[in-house]
Amino acid sequence: MQLKIVLWNANGFAQHIEGVKNYIQNQQVDFMLISETHFTTRSYFKIPNYAIYDTQNPDGTAHGGTAILIKKCIKHYLHGHHN
């Protein structure tokens, strides 16, 4: 099985959500690793057929942060939770 993995520095993810949805579905991406999401505790989004795991900057401000999108048909689980 060949996997398609994408790494992207978003520099703020919110303004790119629709483009990312289209890209990962058209390109059949299995994993997408995203840096600089700028998520806060108020950030929320869903992408059909993908599980999303994210972190925010510890000070709660909109900078830094990461996210991992994993195609739901790929067996996976969250191993522990680190703050």
PDB file of N, CA and C in Angstrom:
ATOM      1  N   MET A   1       0.852  -1.184   0.000  1.00  0.00           N
ATOM      2  CA  MET A   1       0.000   0.000   0.000  1.00  0.00           C
ATOM      3  C   MET A   1       0.890   1.238   0.000  1.00  0.00           C
ATOM      4  N   GLN A   2       0.670   2.106  -0.936  1.00  0.00           N
ATOM      5  CA  GLN A   2       1.421   3.355  -1.030  1.00  0.00           C
ATOM      6  C   GLN A   2       0.605   4.465  -0.385  1.00  0.00           C
ATOM      7  N   LEU A   3       1.248   5.279   0.451  1.00  0.00           N
ATOM      8  CA  LEU A   3       0.569   6.368   1.146  1.00  0.00           C
ATOM      9  C   LEU A   3       0.979   7.704   0.554  1.00  0.00           C
ATOM     10  N   LYS A   4       0.031   8.627   0.497  1.00  0.00           N
ATOM     11  CA  LYS A   4       0.330   9.981   0.051  1.00  0.00           C
ATOM     12  C   LYS A   4       0.313  10.880   1.283  1.00  0.00           C
ATOM     13  N   ILE A   5       1.485  11.470   1.590  1.00  0.00           N
ATOM     14  CA  ILE A   5       1.659  12.311   2.767  1.00  0.00           C
ATOM     15  C   ILE A   5       2.044  13.709   2.304  1.00  0.00           C
ATOM     16  N   VAL A   6       1.387  14.717   2.876  1.00  0.00           N
ATOM     17  CA  VAL A   6       1.646  16.108   2.517  1.00  0.00           C
ATOM     18  C   VAL A   6       2.034  16.873   3.780  1.00  0.00           C
ATOM     19  N   LEU A   7       3.062  17.706   3.673  1.00  0.00           N
ATOM     20  CA  LEU A   7       3.482  18.593   4.751  1.00  0.00           C
ATOM     21  C   LEU A   7       3.279  20.028   4.269  1.00  0.00           C
ATOM     22  N   TRP A   8       2.666  20.870   5.137  1.00  0.00           N
ATOM     23  CA  TRP A   8       2.361  22.231   4.706  1.00  0.00           C
ATOM     24  C   TRP A   8       2.486  23.196   5.872  1.00  0.00           C
ATOM     25  N   ASN A   9       3.171  24.307   5.677  1.00  0.00           N
ATOM     26  CA  ASN A   9       3.230  25.390   6.648  1.00  0.00           C
ATOM     27  C   ASN A   9       2.127  26.371   6.272  1.00  0.00           C
ATOM     28  N   ALA A  10       1.043  26.376   7.048  1.00  0.00           N
ATOM     29  CA  ALA A  10      -0.157  27.119   6.688  1.00  0.00           C
ATOM     30  C   ALA A  10      -0.051  28.615   6.928  1.00  0.00           C
ATOM     31  N   ASN A  11       0.719  29.031   7.937  1.00  0.00           N
ATOM     32  CA  ASN A  11       0.764  30.440   8.325  1.00  0.00           C
ATOM     33  C   ASN A  11      -0.651  30.986   8.517  1.00  0.00           C
ATOM     34  N   GLY A  12      -1.463  30.211   9.219  1.00  0.00           N
ATOM     35  CA  GLY A  12      -2.864  30.567   9.464  1.00  0.00           C
ATOM     36  C   GLY A  12      -3.767  29.696   8.617  1.00  0.00           C
ATOM     37  N   PHE A  13      -4.423  28.751   9.241  1.00  0.00           N
ATOM     38  CA  PHE A  13      -5.183  27.740   8.496  1.00  0.00           C
ATOM     39  C   PHE A  13      -6.591  28.192   8.114  1.00  0.00           C
ATOM     40  N   ALA A  14      -7.214  29.028   8.926  1.00  0.00           N
ATOM     41  CA  ALA A  14      -8.634  29.363   8.749  1.00  0.00           C
ATOM     42  C   ALA A  14      -8.965  29.859   7.338  1.00  0.00           C
ATOM     43  N   GLN A  15      -8.122  30.694   6.764  1.00  0.00           N
ATOM     44  CA  GLN A  15      -8.411  31.258   5.446  1.00  0.00           C
ATOM     45  C   GLN A  15      -8.170  30.269   4.306  1.00  0.00           C
ATOM     46  N   HIS A  16      -7.665  29.068   4.611  1.00  0.00           N
ATOM     47  CA  HIS A  16      -7.335  28.083   3.576  1.00  0.00           C
ATOM     48  C   HIS A  16      -8.184  26.813   3.633  1.00  0.00           C
ATOM     49  N   ILE A  17      -9.170  26.749   4.512  1.00  0.00           N
ATOM     50  CA  ILE A  17      -9.908  25.503   4.739  1.00  0.00           C
ATOM     51  C   ILE A  17     -10.534  24.949   3.455  1.00  0.00           C
ATOM     52  N   GLU A  18     -11.229  25.756   2.709  1.00  0.00           N
ATOM     53  CA  GLU A  18     -11.897  25.249   1.501  1.00  0.00           C
ATOM     54  C   GLU A  18     -10.890  24.744   0.471  1.00  0.00           C
ATOM     55  N   GLY A  19      -9.781  25.443   0.317  1.00  0.00           N
ATOM     56  CA  GLY A  19      -8.737  24.996  -0.605  1.00  0.00           C
ATOM     57  C   GLY A  19      -8.124  23.677  -0.169  1.00  0.00           C
ATOM     58  N   VAL A  20      -7.912  23.518   1.131  1.00  0.00           N
ATOM     59  CA  VAL A  20      -7.357  22.268   1.657  1.00  0.00           C
ATOM     60  C   VAL A  20      -8.338  21.123   1.435  1.00  0.00           C
ATOM     61  N   LYS A  21      -9.611  21.359   1.721  1.00  0.00           N
ATOM     62  CA  LYS A  21     -10.623  20.317   1.485  1.00  0.00           C
ATOM     63  C   LYS A  21     -10.571  19.839   0.038  1.00  0.00           C
ATOM     64  N   ASN A  22     -10.565  20.767  -0.885  1.00  0.00           N
ATOM     65  CA  ASN A  22     -10.529  20.405  -2.311  1.00  0.00           C
ATOM     66  C   ASN A  22      -9.240  19.675  -2.659  1.00  0.00           C
ATOM     67  N   TYR A  23      -8.118  20.178  -2.180  1.00  0.00           N
ATOM     68  CA  TYR A  23      -6.820  19.586  -2.509  1.00  0.00           C
ATOM     69  C   TYR A  23      -6.707  18.150  -2.014  1.00  0.00           C
ATOM     70  N   ILE A  24      -6.995  17.916  -0.728  1.00  0.00           N
ATOM     71  CA  ILE A  24      -6.786  16.562  -0.197  1.00  0.00           C
ATOM     72  C   ILE A  24      -7.753  15.550  -0.802  1.00  0.00           C
ATOM     73  N   GLN A  25      -8.949  16.003  -1.165  1.00  0.00           N
ATOM     74  CA  GLN A  25      -9.881  15.071  -1.792  1.00  0.00           C
ATOM     75  C   GLN A  25      -9.512  14.815  -3.252  1.00  0.00           C
ATOM     76  N   ASN A  26      -9.127  15.860  -3.988  1.00  0.00           N
ATOM     77  CA  ASN A  26      -8.741  15.679  -5.398  1.00  0.00           C
ATOM     78  C   ASN A  26      -7.442  14.900  -5.536  1.00  0.00           C
ATOM     79  N   GLN A  27      -6.494  15.116  -4.621  1.00  0.00           N
ATOM     80  CA  GLN A  27      -5.192  14.458  -4.694  1.00  0.00           C
ATOM     81  C   GLN A  27      -5.162  13.128  -3.924  1.00  0.00           C
ATOM     82  N   GLN A  28      -6.265  12.784  -3.275  1.00  0.00           N
ATOM     83  CA  GLN A  28      -6.386  11.547  -2.506  1.00  0.00           C
ATOM     84  C   GLN A  28      -5.272  11.421  -1.468  1.00  0.00           C
ATOM     85  N   VAL A  29      -5.108  12.484  -0.680  1.00  0.00           N
ATOM     86  CA  VAL A  29      -4.087  12.538   0.362  1.00  0.00           C
ATOM     87  C   VAL A  29      -4.499  11.629   1.518  1.00  0.00           C
ATOM     88  N   ASP A  30      -3.556  10.859   2.044  1.00  0.00           N
ATOM     89  CA  ASP A  30      -3.820   9.989   3.181  1.00  0.00           C
ATOM     90  C   ASP A  30      -3.538  10.689   4.508  1.00  0.00           C
ATOM     91  N   PHE A  31      -2.419  11.425   4.571  1.00  0.00           N
ATOM     92  CA  PHE A  31      -2.027  12.164   5.772  1.00  0.00           C
ATOM     93  C   PHE A  31      -1.638  13.576   5.360  1.00  0.00           C
ATOM     94  N   MET A  32      -2.071  14.555   6.133  1.00  0.00           N
ATOM     95  CA  MET A  32      -1.605  15.918   5.918  1.00  0.00           C
ATOM     96  C   MET A  32      -1.111  16.451   7.252  1.00  0.00           C
ATOM     97  N   LEU A  33       0.156  16.866   7.277  1.00  0.00           N
ATOM     98  CA  LEU A  33       0.782  17.420   8.468  1.00  0.00           C
ATOM     99  C   LEU A  33       0.856  18.933   8.267  1.00  0.00           C
ATOM    100  N   ILE A  34       0.272  19.679   9.197  1.00  0.00           N
ATOM    101  CA  ILE A  34       0.161  21.126   9.026  1.00  0.00           C
ATOM    102  C   ILE A  34       0.842  21.830  10.192  1.00  0.00           C
ATOM    103  N   SER A  35       1.726  22.760   9.885  1.00  0.00           N
ATOM    104  CA  SER A  35       2.350  23.583  10.920  1.00  0.00           C
ATOM    105  C   SER A  35       1.822  25.009  10.811  1.00  0.00           C
ATOM    106  N   GLU A  36       2.021  25.782  11.873  1.00  0.00           N
ATOM    107  CA  GLU A  36       1.583  27.186  11.928  1.00  0.00           C
ATOM    108  C   GLU A  36       0.084  27.330  11.617  1.00  0.00           C
ATOM    109  N   THR A  37      -0.738  26.543  12.307  1.00  0.00           N
ATOM    110  CA  THR A  37      -2.186  26.611  12.086  1.00  0.00           C
ATOM    111  C   THR A  37      -2.810  27.879  12.651  1.00  0.00           C
ATOM    112  N   HIS A  38      -2.211  28.411  13.697  1.00  0.00           N
ATOM    113  CA  HIS A  38      -2.736  29.580  14.424  1.00  0.00           C
ATOM    114  C   HIS A  38      -4.091  29.285  15.062  1.00  0.00           C
ATOM    115  N   PHE A  39      -4.354  28.038  15.423  1.00  0.00           N
ATOM    116  CA  PHE A  39      -5.599  27.656  16.089  1.00  0.00           C
ATOM    117  C   PHE A  39      -5.625  28.175  17.531  1.00  0.00           C
ATOM    118  N   THR A  40      -6.829  28.443  18.003  1.00  0.00           N
ATOM    119  CA  THR A  40      -7.077  28.721  19.413  1.00  0.00           C
ATOM    120  C   THR A  40      -8.138  27.727  19.884  1.00  0.00           C
ATOM    121  N   THR A  41      -8.539  27.826  21.129  1.00  0.00           N
ATOM    122  CA  THR A  41      -9.587  26.937  21.642  1.00  0.00           C
ATOM    123  C   THR A  41     -10.920  27.190  20.939  1.00  0.00           C
ATOM    124  N   ARG A  42     -11.059  28.297  20.270  1.00  0.00           N
ATOM    125  CA  ARG A  42     -12.297  28.618  19.536  1.00  0.00           C
ATOM    126  C   ARG A  42     -12.263  28.122  18.084  1.00  0.00           C
ATOM    127  N   SER A  43     -11.142  27.569  17.641  1.00  0.00           N
ATOM    128  CA  SER A  43     -11.019  27.090  16.256  1.00  0.00           C
ATOM    129  C   SER A  43     -11.690  25.723  16.117  1.00  0.00           C
ATOM    130  N   TYR A  44     -12.465  25.581  15.049  1.00  0.00           N
ATOM    131  CA  TYR A  44     -13.146  24.311  14.807  1.00  0.00           C
ATOM    132  C   TYR A  44     -13.419  24.170  13.318  1.00  0.00           C
ATOM    133  N   PHE A  45     -13.157  23.000  12.778  1.00  0.00           N
ATOM    134  CA  PHE A  45     -13.516  22.699  11.401  1.00  0.00           C
ATOM    135  C   PHE A  45     -13.601  21.193  11.232  1.00  0.00           C
ATOM    136  N   LYS A  46     -14.300  20.771  10.209  1.00  0.00           N
ATOM    137  CA  LYS A  46     -14.414  19.355   9.863  1.00  0.00           C
ATOM    138  C   LYS A  46     -14.126  19.206   8.383  1.00  0.00           C
ATOM    139  N   ILE A  47     -13.510  18.097   8.039  1.00  0.00           N
ATOM    140  CA  ILE A  47     -13.308  17.741   6.643  1.00  0.00           C
ATOM    141  C   ILE A  47     -13.855  16.332   6.473  1.00  0.00           C
ATOM    142  N   PRO A  48     -14.833  16.149   5.597  1.00  0.00           N
ATOM    143  CA  PRO A  48     -15.441  14.827   5.426  1.00  0.00           C
ATOM    144  C   PRO A  48     -14.398  13.744   5.162  1.00  0.00           C
ATOM    145  N   ASN A  49     -14.564  12.615   5.838  1.00  0.00           N
ATOM    146  CA  ASN A  49     -13.730  11.425   5.682  1.00  0.00           C
ATOM    147  C   ASN A  49     -12.320  11.558   6.255  1.00  0.00           C
ATOM    148  N   TYR A  50     -12.066  12.592   7.068  1.00  0.00           N
ATOM    149  CA  TYR A  50     -10.759  12.776   7.699  1.00  0.00           C
ATOM    150  C   TYR A  50     -10.922  12.989   9.194  1.00  0.00           C
ATOM    151  N   ALA A  51     -10.042  12.357   9.968  1.00  0.00           N
ATOM    152  CA  ALA A  51      -9.923  12.636  11.403  1.00  0.00           C
ATOM    153  C   ALA A  51      -8.915  13.770  11.538  1.00  0.00           C
ATOM    154  N   ILE A  52      -9.145  14.656  12.496  1.00  0.00           N
ATOM    155  CA  ILE A  52      -8.286  15.813  12.681  1.00  0.00           C
ATOM    156  C   ILE A  52      -7.809  15.853  14.120  1.00  0.00           C
ATOM    157  N   TYR A  53      -6.485  15.957  14.290  1.00  0.00           N
ATOM    158  CA  TYR A  53      -5.878  16.095  15.611  1.00  0.00           C
ATOM    159  C   TYR A  53      -5.069  17.385  15.580  1.00  0.00           C
ATOM    160  N   ASP A  54      -5.238  18.227  16.591  1.00  0.00           N
ATOM    161  CA  ASP A  54      -4.534  19.503  16.547  1.00  0.00           C
ATOM    162  C   ASP A  54      -4.016  19.917  17.917  1.00  0.00           C
ATOM    163  N   THR A  55      -3.083  20.841  17.900  1.00  0.00           N
ATOM    164  CA  THR A  55      -2.556  21.460  19.116  1.00  0.00           C
ATOM    165  C   THR A  55      -2.595  22.972  18.920  1.00  0.00           C
ATOM    166  N   GLN A  56      -2.699  23.679  20.028  1.00  0.00           N
ATOM    167  CA  GLN A  56      -2.654  25.130  19.989  1.00  0.00           C
ATOM    168  C   GLN A  56      -1.423  25.605  20.744  1.00  0.00           C
ATOM    169  N   ASN A  57      -1.088  26.859  20.577  1.00  0.00           N
ATOM    170  CA  ASN A  57      -0.003  27.449  21.341  1.00  0.00           C
ATOM    171  C   ASN A  57      -0.391  27.439  22.808  1.00  0.00           C
ATOM    172  N   PRO A  58       0.509  27.085  23.714  1.00  0.00           N
ATOM    173  CA  PRO A  58       0.171  26.999  25.142  1.00  0.00           C
ATOM    174  C   PRO A  58      -0.364  28.298  25.754  1.00  0.00           C
ATOM    175  N   ASP A  59      -0.004  29.449  25.188  1.00  0.00           N
ATOM    176  CA  ASP A  59      -0.498  30.700  25.773  1.00  0.00           C
ATOM    177  C   ASP A  59      -1.891  31.083  25.265  1.00  0.00           C
ATOM    178  N   GLY A  60      -2.486  30.249  24.388  1.00  0.00           N
ATOM    179  CA  GLY A  60      -3.862  30.470  23.943  1.00  0.00           C
ATOM    180  C   GLY A  60      -4.024  31.500  22.843  1.00  0.00           C
ATOM    181  N   THR A  61      -2.940  32.068  22.367  1.00  0.00           N
ATOM    182  CA  THR A  61      -3.038  33.063  21.302  1.00  0.00           C
ATOM    183  C   THR A  61      -2.947  32.395  19.938  1.00  0.00           C
ATOM    184  N   ALA A  62      -3.362  33.123  18.912  1.00  0.00           N
ATOM    185  CA  ALA A  62      -3.438  32.575  17.554  1.00  0.00           C
ATOM    186  C   ALA A  62      -2.091  32.658  16.846  1.00  0.00           C
ATOM    187  N   HIS A  63      -1.139  31.850  17.291  1.00  0.00           N
ATOM    188  CA  HIS A  63       0.113  31.671  16.559  1.00  0.00           C
ATOM    189  C   HIS A  63       0.651  30.291  16.886  1.00  0.00           C
ATOM    190  N   GLY A  64       1.572  29.803  16.034  1.00  0.00           N
ATOM    191  CA  GLY A  64       2.068  28.448  16.217  1.00  0.00           C
ATOM    192  C   GLY A  64       0.970  27.432  15.956  1.00  0.00           C
ATOM    193  N   GLY A  65       1.089  26.278  16.561  1.00  0.00           N
ATOM    194  CA  GLY A  65       0.075  25.235  16.452  1.00  0.00           C
ATOM    195  C   GLY A  65       0.322  24.276  15.299  1.00  0.00           C
ATOM    196  N   THR A  66      -0.189  23.065  15.469  1.00  0.00           N
ATOM    197  CA  THR A  66      -0.052  22.025  14.453  1.00  0.00           C
ATOM    198  C   THR A  66      -1.366  21.273  14.291  1.00  0.00           C
ATOM    199  N   ALA A  67      -1.492  20.564  13.193  1.00  0.00           N
ATOM    200  CA  ALA A  67      -2.645  19.690  12.975  1.00  0.00           C
ATOM    201  C   ALA A  67      -2.206  18.522  12.104  1.00  0.00           C
ATOM    202  N   ILE A  68      -2.868  17.404  12.305  1.00  0.00           N
ATOM    203  CA  ILE A  68      -2.664  16.221  11.477  1.00  0.00           C
ATOM    204  C   ILE A  68      -4.030  15.773  10.982  1.00  0.00           C
ATOM    205  N   LEU A  69      -4.163  15.622   9.684  1.00  0.00           N
ATOM    206  CA  LEU A  69      -5.380  15.096   9.081  1.00  0.00           C
ATOM    207  C   LEU A  69      -5.069  13.685   8.611  1.00  0.00           C
ATOM    208  N   ILE A  70      -5.926  12.737   8.986  1.00  0.00           N
ATOM    209  CA  ILE A  70      -5.723  11.334   8.615  1.00  0.00           C
ATOM    210  C   ILE A  70      -7.014  10.810   7.997  1.00  0.00           C
ATOM    211  N   LYS A  71      -6.879  10.209   6.840  1.00  0.00           N
ATOM    212  CA  LYS A  71      -8.047   9.630   6.179  1.00  0.00           C
ATOM    213  C   LYS A  71      -8.661   8.576   7.112  1.00  0.00           C
ATOM    214  N   LYS A  72      -9.957   8.667   7.339  1.00  0.00           N
ATOM    215  CA  LYS A  72     -10.630   7.810   8.322  1.00  0.00           C
ATOM    216  C   LYS A  72     -10.564   6.323   7.975  1.00  0.00           C
ATOM    217  N   CYS A  73     -10.378   5.968   6.722  1.00  0.00           N
ATOM    218  CA  CYS A  73     -10.313   4.546   6.365  1.00  0.00           C
ATOM    219  C   CYS A  73      -8.985   3.916   6.780  1.00  0.00           C
ATOM    220  N   ILE A  74      -8.023   4.721   7.228  1.00  0.00           N
ATOM    221  CA  ILE A  74      -6.741   4.212   7.705  1.00  0.00           C
ATOM    222  C   ILE A  74      -6.855   3.982   9.207  1.00  0.00           C
ATOM    223  N   LYS A  75      -6.635   2.743   9.629  1.00  0.00           N
ATOM    224  CA  LYS A  75      -6.722   2.434  11.052  1.00  0.00           C
ATOM    225  C   LYS A  75      -5.659   3.208  11.813  1.00  0.00           C
ATOM    226  N   HIS A  76      -6.094   3.899  12.849  1.00  0.00           N
ATOM    227  CA  HIS A  76      -5.171   4.656  13.687  1.00  0.00           C
ATOM    228  C   HIS A  76      -5.832   4.907  15.040  1.00  0.00           C
ATOM    229  N   TYR A  77      -5.035   5.314  16.006  1.00  0.00           N
ATOM    230  CA  TYR A  77      -5.574   5.675  17.297  1.00  0.00           C
ATOM    231  C   TYR A  77      -4.658   6.705  17.927  1.00  0.00           C
ATOM    232  N   LEU A  78      -5.219   7.472  18.845  1.00  0.00           N
ATOM    233  CA  LEU A  78      -4.461   8.476  19.572  1.00  0.00           C
ATOM    234  C   LEU A  78      -3.774   7.795  20.743  1.00  0.00           C
ATOM    235  N   HIS A  79      -2.454   7.873  20.782  1.00  0.00           N
ATOM    236  CA  HIS A  79      -1.665   7.240  21.821  1.00  0.00           C
ATOM    237  C   HIS A  79      -1.254   8.293  22.845  1.00  0.00           C
ATOM    238  N   GLY A  80      -1.993   8.365  23.937  1.00  0.00           N
ATOM    239  CA  GLY A  80      -1.691   9.353  24.963  1.00  0.00           C
ATOM    240  C   GLY A  80      -2.062  10.750  24.525  1.00  0.00           C
ATOM    241  N   HIS A  81      -2.014  11.656  25.462  1.00  0.00           N
ATOM    242  CA  HIS A  81      -2.315  13.058  25.183  1.00  0.00           C
ATOM    243  C   HIS A  81      -1.305  13.913  25.919  1.00  0.00           C
ATOM    244  N   HIS A  82      -0.609  14.742  25.188  1.00  0.00           N
ATOM    245  CA  HIS A  82       0.439  15.576  25.784  1.00  0.00           C
ATOM    246  C   HIS A  82       0.026  17.030  25.713  1.00  0.00           C
ATOM    247  N   ASN A  83       0.177  17.730  26.805  1.00  0.00           N
ATOM    248  CA  ASN A  83      -0.152  19.170  26.822  1.00  0.00           C
ATOM    249  C   ASN A  83       1.080  19.997  26.674  1.00  0.00           C
TER     250      ASN A  83
END
